Amino acid sequence: MDRGLRQGDPLSPFLFVLVAEVLSRMLMKASSMGLFQGLQVGKKKETITHLQFADDIAEANELYLQNIKRILLSFQTFSGLAVNYSKSGLLVFGKEEAWADEIENQLECKLVQLPITYL
C-alpha cells in the first residue's frame, strides 16, 4: 500500500496551501522575534518578510540569512518538503562581491543576476 498523494490528486493544492501557510507563519514569527528583518516598502513603510509564491526577501545581513535557512531546514524536518538549492538563487544588491560569494557558499545556492528566469 502506497502512502501520500499522487501527482494530480485533487487534494494536493489544498495541502500545499495549508503547509505553505505554516511556513509563512514561521517566517512571520521569526521576523517578529528579530531573527531576520524584512524590507519596508510604500508610503506606509509596510514590512515584507517573504513572498509566498517564490522567494524570501530580507535585509542582506549574514545572520538574518542564516536564520532564514534554519527556518527552512526546520520546516523541512517536520513537513518532509525540501528546498531544492540547486534551483534556488540569491540576488544581492549593494554588497561587495566577496560577501556575496561567501553567502552563496554558506546558503548553498547560486548567485543570480537580473533579469532572472522565473519558472
C-alpha atoms as a PDB file:
ATOM      1  CA  MET A   1       0.000   0.000   0.000  1.00  0.00           C
ATOM      2  CA  ASP A   2       1.426   3.390  -1.032  1.00  0.00           C
ATOM      3  CA  ARG A   3       1.316   6.394   1.249  1.00  0.00           C
ATOM      4  CA  GLY A   4       0.968  10.016   0.286  1.00  0.00           C
ATOM      5  CA  LEU A   5      -0.666  11.783  -2.602  1.00  0.00           C
ATOM      6  CA  ARG A   6      -0.167  11.057  -6.243  1.00  0.00           C
ATOM      7  CA  GLN A   7       0.553  13.744  -8.789  1.00  0.00           C
ATOM      8  CA  GLY A   8      -2.718  15.308  -9.899  1.00  0.00           C
ATOM      9  CA  ASP A   9      -4.576  14.322  -6.726  1.00  0.00           C
ATOM     10  CA  PRO A  10      -7.342  16.907  -6.148  1.00  0.00           C
ATOM     11  CA  LEU A  11      -6.211  17.324  -2.514  1.00  0.00           C
ATOM     12  CA  SER A  12      -2.682  18.396  -3.498  1.00  0.00           C
ATOM     13  CA  PRO A  13      -3.394  22.135  -3.946  1.00  0.00           C
ATOM     14  CA  PHE A  14      -5.235  22.317  -0.615  1.00  0.00           C
ATOM     15  CA  LEU A  15      -2.442  20.559   1.251  1.00  0.00           C
ATOM     16  CA  PHE A  16       0.150  22.779  -0.408  1.00  0.00           C
ATOM     17  CA  VAL A  17      -1.694  25.929   0.718  1.00  0.00           C
ATOM     18  CA  LEU A  18      -2.035  24.542   4.250  1.00  0.00           C
ATOM     19  CA  VAL A  19       1.652  23.685   4.518  1.00  0.00           C
ATOM     20  CA  ALA A  20       2.714  26.961   2.866  1.00  0.00           C
ATOM     21  CA  GLU A  21       0.666  28.809   5.488  1.00  0.00           C
ATOM     22  CA  VAL A  22       2.650  27.073   8.228  1.00  0.00           C
ATOM     23  CA  LEU A  23       5.920  28.160   6.611  1.00  0.00           C
ATOM     24  CA  SER A  24       4.569  31.698   6.209  1.00  0.00           C
ATOM     25  CA  ARG A  25       3.675  31.891   9.904  1.00  0.00           C
ATOM     26  CA  MET A  26       7.096  30.514  10.877  1.00  0.00           C
ATOM     27  CA  LEU A  27       8.768  33.281   8.868  1.00  0.00           C
ATOM     28  CA  MET A  28       6.495  35.990  10.321  1.00  0.00           C
ATOM     29  CA  LYS A  29       7.157  34.752  13.878  1.00  0.00           C
ATOM     30  CA  ALA A  30      10.914  34.649  13.287  1.00  0.00           C
ATOM     31  CA  SER A  31      10.809  38.191  11.924  1.00  0.00           C
ATOM     32  CA  SER A  32       8.824  39.433  14.923  1.00  0.00           C
ATOM     33  CA  MET A  33      11.450  37.817  17.187  1.00  0.00           C
ATOM     34  CA  GLY A  34      14.204  39.726  15.361  1.00  0.00           C
ATOM     35  CA  LEU A  35      15.768  36.652  13.758  1.00  0.00           C
ATOM     36  CA  PHE A  36      15.657  38.426  10.407  1.00  0.00           C
ATOM     37  CA  GLN A  37      14.307  41.668   9.028  1.00  0.00           C
ATOM     38  CA  GLY A  38      12.102  42.285   6.037  1.00  0.00           C
ATOM     39  CA  LEU A  39      12.081  45.196   3.642  1.00  0.00           C
ATOM     40  CA  GLN A  40       9.970  48.294   4.184  1.00  0.00           C
ATOM     41  CA  VAL A  41       8.020  49.372   1.117  1.00  0.00           C
ATOM     42  CA  GLY A  42       5.484  52.013   0.165  1.00  0.00           C
ATOM     43  CA  LYS A  43       4.403  55.251   1.769  1.00  0.00           C
ATOM     44  CA  LYS A  44       3.229  53.458   4.904  1.00  0.00           C
ATOM     45  CA  LYS A  45       6.539  51.565   5.205  1.00  0.00           C
ATOM     46  CA  GLU A  46       4.850  48.161   5.267  1.00  0.00           C
ATOM     47  CA  THR A  47       7.311  45.380   6.030  1.00  0.00           C
ATOM     48  CA  ILE A  48       7.582  42.439   3.634  1.00  0.00           C
ATOM     49  CA  THR A  49       9.350  39.440   5.126  1.00  0.00           C
ATOM     50  CA  HIS A  50       8.735  36.981   2.307  1.00  0.00           C
ATOM     51  CA  LEU A  51       6.855  36.380  -0.902  1.00  0.00           C
ATOM     52  CA  GLN A  52       4.990  33.122  -0.658  1.00  0.00           C
ATOM     53  CA  PHE A  53       4.837  32.474  -4.373  1.00  0.00           C
ATOM     54  CA  ALA A  54       8.587  32.333  -4.906  1.00  0.00           C
ATOM     55  CA  ASP A  55      11.206  33.707  -2.595  1.00  0.00           C
ATOM     56  CA  ASP A  56      12.063  35.010   0.796  1.00  0.00           C
ATOM     57  CA  ILE A  57      13.361  38.527   0.940  1.00  0.00           C
ATOM     58  CA  ALA A  58      15.339  40.022   3.738  1.00  0.00           C
ATOM     59  CA  GLU A  59      17.769  42.741   4.526  1.00  0.00           C
ATOM     60  CA  ALA A  60      21.185  41.469   3.468  1.00  0.00           C
ATOM     61  CA  ASN A  61      22.565  40.533   6.840  1.00  0.00           C
ATOM     62  CA  GLU A  62      24.537  37.296   7.188  1.00  0.00           C
ATOM     63  CA  LEU A  63      22.869  36.306  10.469  1.00  0.00           C
ATOM     64  CA  TYR A  64      19.378  37.000   9.086  1.00  0.00           C
ATOM     65  CA  LEU A  65      20.050  34.875   6.008  1.00  0.00           C
ATOM     66  CA  GLN A  66      21.396  32.025   8.159  1.00  0.00           C
ATOM     67  CA  ASN A  67      18.269  32.238  10.331  1.00  0.00           C
ATOM     68  CA  ILE A  68      16.043  32.013   7.260  1.00  0.00           C
ATOM     69  CA  LYS A  69      17.926  28.890   6.183  1.00  0.00           C
ATOM     70  CA  ARG A  70      17.465  27.410   9.685  1.00  0.00           C
ATOM     71  CA  ILE A  71      13.723  28.062   9.454  1.00  0.00           C
ATOM     72  CA  LEU A  72      13.601  26.334   6.068  1.00  0.00           C
ATOM     73  CA  LEU A  73      15.514  23.339   7.469  1.00  0.00           C
ATOM     74  CA  SER A  74      13.142  23.167  10.438  1.00  0.00           C
ATOM     75  CA  PHE A  75      10.182  23.327   8.076  1.00  0.00           C
ATOM     76  CA  GLN A  76      11.742  20.549   6.001  1.00  0.00           C
ATOM     77  CA  THR A  77      12.159  18.345   9.077  1.00  0.00           C
ATOM     78  CA  PHE A  78       8.523  18.341  10.089  1.00  0.00           C
ATOM     79  CA  SER A  79       6.892  18.678   6.661  1.00  0.00           C
ATOM     80  CA  GLY A  80       9.074  16.435   4.527  1.00  0.00           C
ATOM     81  CA  LEU A  81       9.209  19.211   1.885  1.00  0.00           C
ATOM     82  CA  ALA A  82      12.715  20.280   0.944  1.00  0.00           C
ATOM     83  CA  VAL A  83      14.161  23.303  -0.786  1.00  0.00           C
ATOM     84  CA  ASN A  84      15.956  22.431  -3.994  1.00  0.00           C
ATOM     85  CA  TYR A  85      19.007  24.630  -3.511  1.00  0.00           C
ATOM     86  CA  SER A  86      20.326  23.786  -6.983  1.00  0.00           C
ATOM     87  CA  LYS A  87      17.253  25.574  -8.362  1.00  0.00           C
ATOM     88  CA  SER A  88      17.411  28.397  -5.816  1.00  0.00           C
ATOM     89  CA  GLY A  89      19.119  31.695  -6.447  1.00  0.00           C
ATOM     90  CA  LEU A  90      20.430  34.576  -4.387  1.00  0.00           C
ATOM     91  CA  LEU A  91      20.083  38.090  -5.772  1.00  0.00           C
ATOM     92  CA  VAL A  92      22.374  40.554  -3.957  1.00  0.00           C
ATOM     93  CA  PHE A  93      22.282  44.356  -4.178  1.00  0.00           C
ATOM     94  CA  GLY A  94      24.659  46.804  -2.535  1.00  0.00           C
ATOM     95  CA  LYS A  95      27.152  44.323  -1.115  1.00  0.00           C
ATOM     96  CA  GLU A  96      30.734  43.505  -2.008  1.00  0.00           C
ATOM     97  CA  GLU A  97      31.299  40.593  -4.374  1.00  0.00           C
ATOM     98  CA  ALA A  98      33.395  38.745  -1.751  1.00  0.00           C
ATOM     99  CA  TRP A  99      30.494  38.989   0.735  1.00  0.00           C
ATOM    100  CA  ALA A 100      28.048  37.665  -1.856  1.00  0.00           C
ATOM    101  CA  ASP A 101      30.395  34.765  -2.698  1.00  0.00           C
ATOM    102  CA  GLU A 102      30.671  33.832   0.991  1.00  0.00           C
ATOM    103  CA  ILE A 103      26.888  33.887   1.436  1.00  0.00           C
ATOM    104  CA  GLU A 104      26.474  31.856  -1.739  1.00  0.00           C
ATOM    105  CA  ASN A 105      28.684  29.144  -0.218  1.00  0.00           C
ATOM    106  CA  GLN A 106      27.000  29.261   3.193  1.00  0.00           C
ATOM    107  CA  LEU A 107      23.460  29.080   1.821  1.00  0.00           C
ATOM    108  CA  GLU A 108      24.398  26.518  -0.850  1.00  0.00           C
ATOM    109  CA  CYS A 109      22.571  28.328  -3.631  1.00  0.00           C
ATOM    110  CA  LYS A 110      23.863  30.192  -6.652  1.00  0.00           C
ATOM    111  CA  LEU A 111      24.146  33.931  -7.172  1.00  0.00           C
ATOM    112  CA  VAL A 112      21.861  35.199  -9.923  1.00  0.00           C
ATOM    113  CA  GLN A 113      21.738  38.453 -11.840  1.00  0.00           C
ATOM    114  CA  LEU A 114      18.865  40.477 -13.232  1.00  0.00           C
ATOM    115  CA  PRO A 115      16.948  39.711 -15.324  1.00  0.00           C
ATOM    116  CA  ILE A 116      16.126  36.369 -13.718  1.00  0.00           C
ATOM    117  CA  THR A 117      14.306  33.398 -15.176  1.00  0.00           C
ATOM    118  CA  TYR A 118      11.187  32.502 -13.199  1.00  0.00           C
ATOM    119  CA  LEU A 119       9.640  29.074 -13.635  1.00  0.00           C
END
